[in-house]
Amino acid sequence: MLSICFASNSAHKLAEIREILGDQYAVKSLADIGCHEELPEEQTTLEGNSRQKAEYVWQKYGVNCFADDTGLEVLALNMEPGVYSARYAGPQRSSQDNINLLLQNLSGKENRTAQFRTSITLILDNNLFQFDGTVQGKIAEEPQGDQGFGYDPVFIPEGYTQTFAELNSGEKNKISHRGRAVQQLVEYLHTALTDPKPLGERL
């Protein structure tokens, strides 16, 4: 079984990733590899941040790993909060504060179209590749549901009347941005393990 580290300090994300991957892989946390520091997120794109985090873990700890960065992009807000989604309302990274600010900024706007986007960077045996997942939807008028985390209580995925926070984890993971990106990751890992080939970029 392939052992791989998920380079994230978010317990919510780690639990979600482990549920999506199931027992196909041994997914280690940062704590499992002895990493207890905050990972750098200094880039201006989701792709840049996921790469920076994965490269940090690979260079410092030398383990196969993958990292993600996720952003909520709202059309009426010029695709904000985007890469700053986690700290939209400030460095305290409060989901409730972020939601409150989002709804405040959308007050009076008719177009509530939005999308969640995830970029995953995988580093496997010194090779790097990136996977992207997107889900379209809209922002609810007010929070609904108590499942999930982050902006889930106000994001209604396309084709649904419920927010992510009203769906159970299995339903959400089938259609979510992170679920779609992870599925691409899984498909690549399966292929790489049965028919090894270089990734898109050699580090």
Protein backbone atom coordinates (compact mmCIF):
# COMPACT_ATOMS: atom_id res chain seq x y z
CA MET A 1 0.00 0.00 0.00
CA LEU A 2 1.35 3.42 -0.96
CA SER A 3 2.02 5.71 2.00
CA ILE A 4 1.60 9.38 1.21
CA CYS A 5 1.38 12.55 3.30
CA PHE A 6 -1.43 15.06 2.89
CA ALA A 7 0.28 18.39 3.45
CA SER A 8 -2.43 20.27 5.31
CA ASN A 9 -2.93 21.51 8.86
CA SER A 10 -6.72 21.33 8.46
CA ALA A 11 -8.22 18.43 10.40
CA HIS A 12 -11.44 18.86 8.41
CA LYS A 13 -9.63 18.50 5.09
CA LEU A 14 -7.60 15.52 6.33
CA ALA A 15 -10.76 13.68 7.42
CA GLU A 16 -12.44 14.46 4.09
CA ILE A 17 -9.41 13.28 2.07
CA ARG A 18 -9.17 10.04 4.05
CA GLU A 19 -12.86 9.37 3.47
CA ILE A 20 -12.54 10.00 -0.26
CA LEU A 21 -9.44 7.80 -0.62
CA GLY A 22 -10.76 5.05 1.65
CA ASP A 23 -8.36 2.19 2.35
CA GLN A 24 -6.56 2.35 -0.99
CA TYR A 25 -3.72 4.43 0.45
CA ALA A 26 -2.14 5.09 3.83
CA VAL A 27 -2.67 8.85 4.15
CA LYS A 28 -0.35 10.36 6.74
CA SER A 29 -0.92 13.70 8.43
CA LEU A 30 1.77 16.32 8.87
CA ALA A 31 2.00 15.33 12.53
CA ASP A 32 2.67 11.72 11.47
CA ILE A 33 5.85 12.82 9.68
CA GLY A 34 6.94 15.15 12.47
CA CYS A 35 5.88 18.40 10.80
CA HIS A 36 4.22 20.71 13.31
CA GLU A 37 4.87 24.12 11.74
CA GLU A 38 2.57 26.20 9.58
CA LEU A 39 3.15 25.60 5.89
CA PRO A 40 3.94 28.61 3.69
CA GLU A 41 1.09 30.03 1.57
CA GLU A 42 2.61 33.11 -0.01
CA GLN A 43 1.49 32.79 -3.62
CA THR A 44 -1.26 34.67 -5.46
CA THR A 45 -2.89 31.62 -7.06
CA LEU A 46 -4.36 28.37 -5.78
CA GLU A 47 -1.93 26.44 -7.97
CA GLY A 48 1.01 28.39 -6.57
CA ASN A 49 0.00 27.81 -2.96
CA SER A 50 -0.61 24.08 -3.36
CA ARG A 51 2.77 23.73 -5.06
CA GLN A 52 4.56 25.77 -2.40
CA LYS A 53 3.15 23.61 0.40
CA ALA A 54 3.95 20.32 -1.34
CA GLU A 55 7.48 21.41 -2.22
CA TYR A 56 8.08 22.56 1.37
CA VAL A 57 7.18 19.12 2.74
CA TRP A 58 9.13 17.26 0.06
CA GLN A 59 12.26 19.37 0.49
CA LYS A 60 12.24 19.40 4.30
CA TYR A 61 10.94 15.91 5.08
CA GLY A 62 11.65 13.92 1.92
CA VAL A 63 8.31 12.10 1.80
CA ASN A 64 5.88 11.60 -1.06
CA CYS A 65 3.08 14.08 -0.50
CA PHE A 66 0.28 16.11 -1.93
CA ALA A 67 -1.14 19.49 -0.95
CA ASP A 68 -4.25 21.36 -1.91
CA ASP A 69 -5.41 24.93 -1.96
CA THR A 70 -9.07 25.75 -2.36
CA GLY A 71 -10.89 28.96 -3.11
CA LEU A 72 -14.44 30.18 -3.43
CA GLU A 73 -14.83 32.42 -6.48
CA VAL A 74 -17.91 34.64 -6.65
CA LEU A 75 -18.74 36.24 -9.99
CA ALA A 76 -20.36 39.41 -8.61
CA LEU A 77 -17.30 40.01 -6.41
CA ASN A 78 -14.80 39.79 -9.27
CA MET A 79 -14.01 36.16 -8.34
CA GLU A 80 -13.19 37.02 -4.74
CA PRO A 81 -12.39 35.78 -2.16
CA GLY A 82 -10.42 33.28 -4.29
CA VAL A 83 -6.95 32.47 -3.02
CA TYR A 84 -7.71 34.48 0.15
CA SER A 85 -10.84 32.49 1.02
CA ALA A 86 -9.56 31.11 4.34
CA ARG A 87 -8.55 34.57 5.61
CA TYR A 88 -11.17 36.65 3.81
CA ALA A 89 -12.31 38.38 7.00
CA GLY A 90 -8.87 38.46 8.60
CA PRO A 91 -5.92 36.39 9.82
CA GLN A 92 -8.06 34.66 12.47
CA ARG A 93 -9.35 32.37 9.67
CA SER A 94 -12.84 32.25 11.16
CA SER A 95 -15.36 30.48 8.93
CA GLN A 96 -18.23 32.37 10.54
CA ASP A 97 -16.52 35.73 10.03
CA ASN A 98 -15.75 34.84 6.42
CA ILE A 99 -19.36 33.86 5.73
CA ASN A 100 -20.68 37.00 7.38
CA LEU A 101 -18.41 39.21 5.27
CA LEU A 102 -19.30 37.32 2.09
CA LEU A 103 -23.04 37.73 2.66
CA GLN A 104 -22.54 41.38 3.56
CA ASN A 105 -20.61 42.02 0.34
CA LEU A 106 -23.30 40.24 -1.69
CA SER A 107 -26.15 42.21 -0.10
CA GLY A 108 -28.38 43.65 -2.80
CA LYS A 109 -26.68 41.77 -5.63
CA GLU A 110 -28.95 39.59 -7.79
CA ASN A 111 -26.21 37.49 -9.36
CA ARG A 112 -25.01 35.00 -6.75
CA THR A 113 -23.21 32.68 -9.17
CA ALA A 114 -20.07 31.14 -7.67
CA GLN A 115 -17.69 28.24 -7.97
CA PHE A 116 -15.44 26.30 -5.64
CA ARG A 117 -12.06 25.41 -7.11
CA THR A 118 -9.34 23.12 -5.75
CA SER A 119 -5.77 22.73 -6.98
CA ILE A 120 -3.81 19.69 -5.83
CA THR A 121 -0.05 19.34 -6.24
CA LEU A 122 1.37 15.83 -6.01
CA ILE A 123 5.07 15.12 -5.51
CA LEU A 124 5.85 11.46 -6.02
CA ASP A 125 9.47 10.28 -6.13
CA ASN A 126 10.74 13.73 -7.12
CA ASN A 127 8.15 14.21 -9.87
CA LEU A 128 5.44 16.86 -9.72
CA PHE A 129 2.00 17.13 -11.24
CA GLN A 130 -1.11 19.21 -10.58
CA PHE A 131 -4.82 18.36 -10.65
CA ASP A 132 -7.77 20.74 -10.61
CA GLY A 133 -11.38 20.28 -9.57
CA THR A 134 -14.26 22.75 -9.92
CA VAL A 135 -17.92 22.74 -8.93
CA GLN A 136 -20.35 25.41 -10.08
CA GLY A 137 -23.14 26.76 -7.91
CA LYS A 138 -24.49 29.84 -6.16
CA ILE A 139 -24.37 31.54 -2.78
CA ALA A 140 -27.41 31.10 -0.54
CA GLU A 141 -29.12 34.10 1.07
CA GLU A 142 -28.27 32.76 4.53
CA PRO A 143 -26.37 29.82 6.06
CA GLN A 144 -28.14 26.48 5.96
CA GLY A 145 -27.04 23.13 7.42
CA ASP A 146 -24.44 22.04 9.93
CA GLN A 147 -22.31 19.56 7.99
CA GLY A 148 -18.96 20.26 6.33
CA PHE A 149 -16.81 23.31 7.05
CA GLY A 150 -15.73 26.66 5.66
CA TYR A 151 -18.23 28.17 3.24
CA ASP A 152 -20.26 24.95 2.95
CA PRO A 153 -23.35 26.43 4.71
CA VAL A 154 -23.79 29.06 1.99
CA PHE A 155 -22.74 27.20 -1.17
CA ILE A 156 -25.49 25.51 -3.18
CA PRO A 157 -23.99 23.27 -5.88
CA GLU A 158 -25.49 23.38 -9.35
CA GLY A 159 -28.44 21.00 -9.73
CA TYR A 160 -29.18 20.99 -6.00
CA THR A 161 -31.43 22.98 -3.70
CA GLN A 162 -29.37 22.17 -0.59
CA THR A 163 -26.08 23.66 0.51
CA PHE A 164 -22.96 21.53 0.92
CA ALA A 165 -23.60 21.75 4.68
CA GLU A 166 -26.99 20.05 4.22
CA LEU A 167 -25.56 17.12 2.26
CA ASN A 168 -23.96 14.13 3.95
CA SER A 169 -20.25 13.69 3.36
CA GLY A 170 -20.72 10.90 0.82
CA GLU A 171 -23.01 13.02 -1.34
CA LYS A 172 -20.75 16.05 -1.09
CA ASN A 173 -17.57 14.14 -1.92
CA LYS A 174 -19.09 12.75 -5.13
CA ILE A 175 -19.62 16.21 -6.60
CA SER A 176 -17.31 18.56 -4.72
CA HIS A 177 -14.33 20.44 -6.10
CA ARG A 178 -11.97 18.58 -3.78
CA GLY A 179 -13.59 15.24 -4.57
CA ARG A 180 -13.12 15.85 -8.30
CA ALA A 181 -9.50 16.88 -7.93
CA VAL A 182 -8.76 13.91 -5.66
CA GLN A 183 -10.38 11.55 -8.17
CA GLN A 184 -7.89 12.74 -10.79
CA LEU A 185 -5.12 12.21 -8.25
CA VAL A 186 -6.32 8.66 -7.55
CA GLU A 187 -6.55 7.84 -11.26
CA TYR A 188 -3.00 9.05 -11.76
CA LEU A 189 -1.64 7.15 -8.74
CA HIS A 190 -3.30 3.93 -9.92
CA THR A 191 -1.75 4.33 -13.36
CA ALA A 192 1.65 5.33 -11.98
CA LEU A 193 1.82 2.33 -9.66
CA THR A 194 0.87 -0.18 -12.36
CA ASP A 195 2.71 1.46 -15.27
CA PRO A 196 5.30 3.91 -13.91
CA LYS A 197 6.03 6.94 -16.02
CA PRO A 198 7.39 10.41 -15.32
CA LEU A 199 5.08 13.15 -14.20
CA GLY A 200 4.72 16.52 -15.87
CA GLU A 201 7.73 18.09 -14.18
CA ARG A 202 10.93 16.71 -12.72
CA LEU A 203 12.08 18.49 -9.57
